[in-house]
Amino acid sequence: MSLSLFLGALWVLAATVTAFLPMRRQYVPGVTLLIAAPPLLGFIGYQHGLWPALLGLAGFVSMFRNPLRYIWRKYVKGEEMELPK
């Protein structure tokens, strides 16, 4: 297994563990995973091509759809959003 796929598998395991945490403890590891995903997807695309990177992007968007929706609404559309309690 290549280094990029190994790191991708570790990223998926870390995201799964983060999802099991209570909501108030998900922010720091969740933001870290959110920031780490684009370089990791780029690395996968560099080593394996476009299709594996697109599959990884689909998994990333599926796992982080709510935070990405929040970022889209707040920063791109300019809507006022409230964080969950």
C-alpha atoms as a PDB file:
ATOM      1  CA  MET A   1       0.000   0.000   0.000  1.00  0.00           C
ATOM      2  CA  SER A   2       1.332   3.418  -0.882  1.00  0.00           C
ATOM      3  CA  LEU A   3       2.033   6.088   1.709  1.00  0.00           C
ATOM      4  CA  SER A   4      -0.822   8.299   0.501  1.00  0.00           C
ATOM      5  CA  LEU A   5      -3.418   5.529   0.826  1.00  0.00           C
ATOM      6  CA  PHE A   6      -2.050   4.542   4.226  1.00  0.00           C
ATOM      7  CA  LEU A   7      -2.347   8.143   5.433  1.00  0.00           C
ATOM      8  CA  GLY A   8      -5.828   8.301   3.914  1.00  0.00           C
ATOM      9  CA  ALA A   9      -6.857   5.204   5.850  1.00  0.00           C
ATOM     10  CA  LEU A  10      -5.481   6.735   9.060  1.00  0.00           C
ATOM     11  CA  TRP A  11      -7.430   9.917   8.301  1.00  0.00           C
ATOM     12  CA  VAL A  12     -10.647   7.912   7.928  1.00  0.00           C
ATOM     13  CA  LEU A  13     -10.031   6.107  11.237  1.00  0.00           C
ATOM     14  CA  ALA A  14      -9.322   9.414  12.989  1.00  0.00           C
ATOM     15  CA  ALA A  15     -12.520  10.905  11.543  1.00  0.00           C
ATOM     16  CA  THR A  16     -14.507   7.906  12.739  1.00  0.00           C
ATOM     17  CA  VAL A  17     -13.092   8.180  16.265  1.00  0.00           C
ATOM     18  CA  THR A  18     -13.823  11.917  16.235  1.00  0.00           C
ATOM     19  CA  ALA A  19     -17.441  11.243  15.289  1.00  0.00           C
ATOM     20  CA  PHE A  20     -17.862   9.146  18.443  1.00  0.00           C
ATOM     21  CA  LEU A  21     -16.800  12.043  20.693  1.00  0.00           C
ATOM     22  CA  PRO A  22     -19.380  14.307  22.334  1.00  0.00           C
ATOM     23  CA  MET A  23     -20.183  17.345  20.184  1.00  0.00           C
ATOM     24  CA  ARG A  24     -18.315  19.829  22.383  1.00  0.00           C
ATOM     25  CA  ARG A  25     -15.109  17.769  22.045  1.00  0.00           C
ATOM     26  CA  GLN A  26     -15.323  17.312  18.278  1.00  0.00           C
ATOM     27  CA  TYR A  27     -14.280  20.834  17.303  1.00  0.00           C
ATOM     28  CA  VAL A  28     -10.477  20.687  17.603  1.00  0.00           C
ATOM     29  CA  PRO A  29      -9.930  17.266  16.013  1.00  0.00           C
ATOM     30  CA  GLY A  30     -12.657  17.968  13.457  1.00  0.00           C
ATOM     31  CA  VAL A  31     -11.076  21.229  12.318  1.00  0.00           C
ATOM     32  CA  THR A  32      -7.680  19.519  12.191  1.00  0.00           C
ATOM     33  CA  LEU A  33      -9.090  16.781   9.963  1.00  0.00           C
ATOM     34  CA  LEU A  34     -10.900  19.361   7.841  1.00  0.00           C
ATOM     35  CA  ILE A  35      -7.643  21.255   7.246  1.00  0.00           C
ATOM     36  CA  ALA A  36      -5.613  18.081   6.625  1.00  0.00           C
ATOM     37  CA  ALA A  37      -7.967  16.679   3.981  1.00  0.00           C
ATOM     38  CA  PRO A  38      -7.120  18.862   0.925  1.00  0.00           C
ATOM     39  CA  PRO A  39      -3.338  18.226   1.050  1.00  0.00           C
ATOM     40  CA  LEU A  40      -3.972  14.535   1.642  1.00  0.00           C
ATOM     41  CA  LEU A  41      -6.360  14.369  -1.323  1.00  0.00           C
ATOM     42  CA  GLY A  42      -3.779  16.177  -3.420  1.00  0.00           C
ATOM     43  CA  PHE A  43      -1.148  13.639  -2.376  1.00  0.00           C
ATOM     44  CA  ILE A  44      -3.474  10.765  -3.285  1.00  0.00           C
ATOM     45  CA  GLY A  45      -4.166  12.414  -6.632  1.00  0.00           C
ATOM     46  CA  TYR A  46      -0.455  12.912  -7.264  1.00  0.00           C
ATOM     47  CA  GLN A  47       0.405   9.278  -6.566  1.00  0.00           C
ATOM     48  CA  HIS A  48      -2.655   7.519  -7.991  1.00  0.00           C
ATOM     49  CA  GLY A  49      -4.402   9.866 -10.400  1.00  0.00           C
ATOM     50  CA  LEU A  50      -7.641  11.767 -10.680  1.00  0.00           C
ATOM     51  CA  TRP A  51     -10.215   9.025 -10.011  1.00  0.00           C
ATOM     52  CA  PRO A  52      -8.903   7.885  -6.612  1.00  0.00           C
ATOM     53  CA  ALA A  53      -8.633  11.539  -5.569  1.00  0.00           C
ATOM     54  CA  LEU A  54     -12.245  12.148  -6.653  1.00  0.00           C
ATOM     55  CA  LEU A  55     -13.382   9.090  -4.700  1.00  0.00           C
ATOM     56  CA  GLY A  56     -11.562  10.445  -1.666  1.00  0.00           C
ATOM     57  CA  LEU A  57     -13.173  13.846  -2.205  1.00  0.00           C
ATOM     58  CA  ALA A  58     -16.608  12.213  -2.323  1.00  0.00           C
ATOM     59  CA  GLY A  59     -15.905  10.457   0.986  1.00  0.00           C
ATOM     60  CA  PHE A  60     -14.608  13.683   2.517  1.00  0.00           C
ATOM     61  CA  VAL A  61     -17.668  15.679   1.468  1.00  0.00           C
ATOM     62  CA  SER A  62     -19.934  12.901   2.717  1.00  0.00           C
ATOM     63  CA  MET A  63     -18.284  12.787   6.139  1.00  0.00           C
ATOM     64  CA  PHE A  64     -18.011  16.563   6.588  1.00  0.00           C
ATOM     65  CA  ARG A  65     -21.201  17.700   4.882  1.00  0.00           C
ATOM     66  CA  ASN A  66     -22.548  19.669   7.868  1.00  0.00           C
ATOM     67  CA  PRO A  67     -19.338  21.617   8.627  1.00  0.00           C
ATOM     68  CA  LEU A  68     -18.875  22.310   4.908  1.00  0.00           C
ATOM     69  CA  ARG A  69     -22.488  23.486   4.669  1.00  0.00           C
ATOM     70  CA  TYR A  70     -21.873  25.804   7.634  1.00  0.00           C
ATOM     71  CA  ILE A  71     -18.706  27.238   6.059  1.00  0.00           C
ATOM     72  CA  TRP A  72     -20.500  27.722   2.731  1.00  0.00           C
ATOM     73  CA  ARG A  73     -23.442  29.556   4.285  1.00  0.00           C
ATOM     74  CA  LYS A  74     -21.409  31.710   6.665  1.00  0.00           C
ATOM     75  CA  TYR A  75     -18.426  32.731   4.570  1.00  0.00           C
ATOM     76  CA  VAL A  76     -19.557  32.401   0.966  1.00  0.00           C
ATOM     77  CA  LYS A  77     -23.214  33.408   1.164  1.00  0.00           C
ATOM     78  CA  GLY A  78     -22.757  35.730   4.158  1.00  0.00           C
ATOM     79  CA  GLU A  79     -25.622  34.322   6.235  1.00  0.00           C
ATOM     80  CA  GLU A  80     -25.540  34.550  10.016  1.00  0.00           C
ATOM     81  CA  MET A  81     -25.283  31.044  11.434  1.00  0.00           C
ATOM     82  CA  GLU A  82     -25.498  29.861  15.020  1.00  0.00           C
ATOM     83  CA  LEU A  83     -23.330  27.018  16.311  1.00  0.00           C
ATOM     84  CA  PRO A  84     -25.130  24.120  18.007  1.00  0.00           C
ATOM     85  CA  LYS A  85     -25.047  24.075  21.786  1.00  0.00           C
END
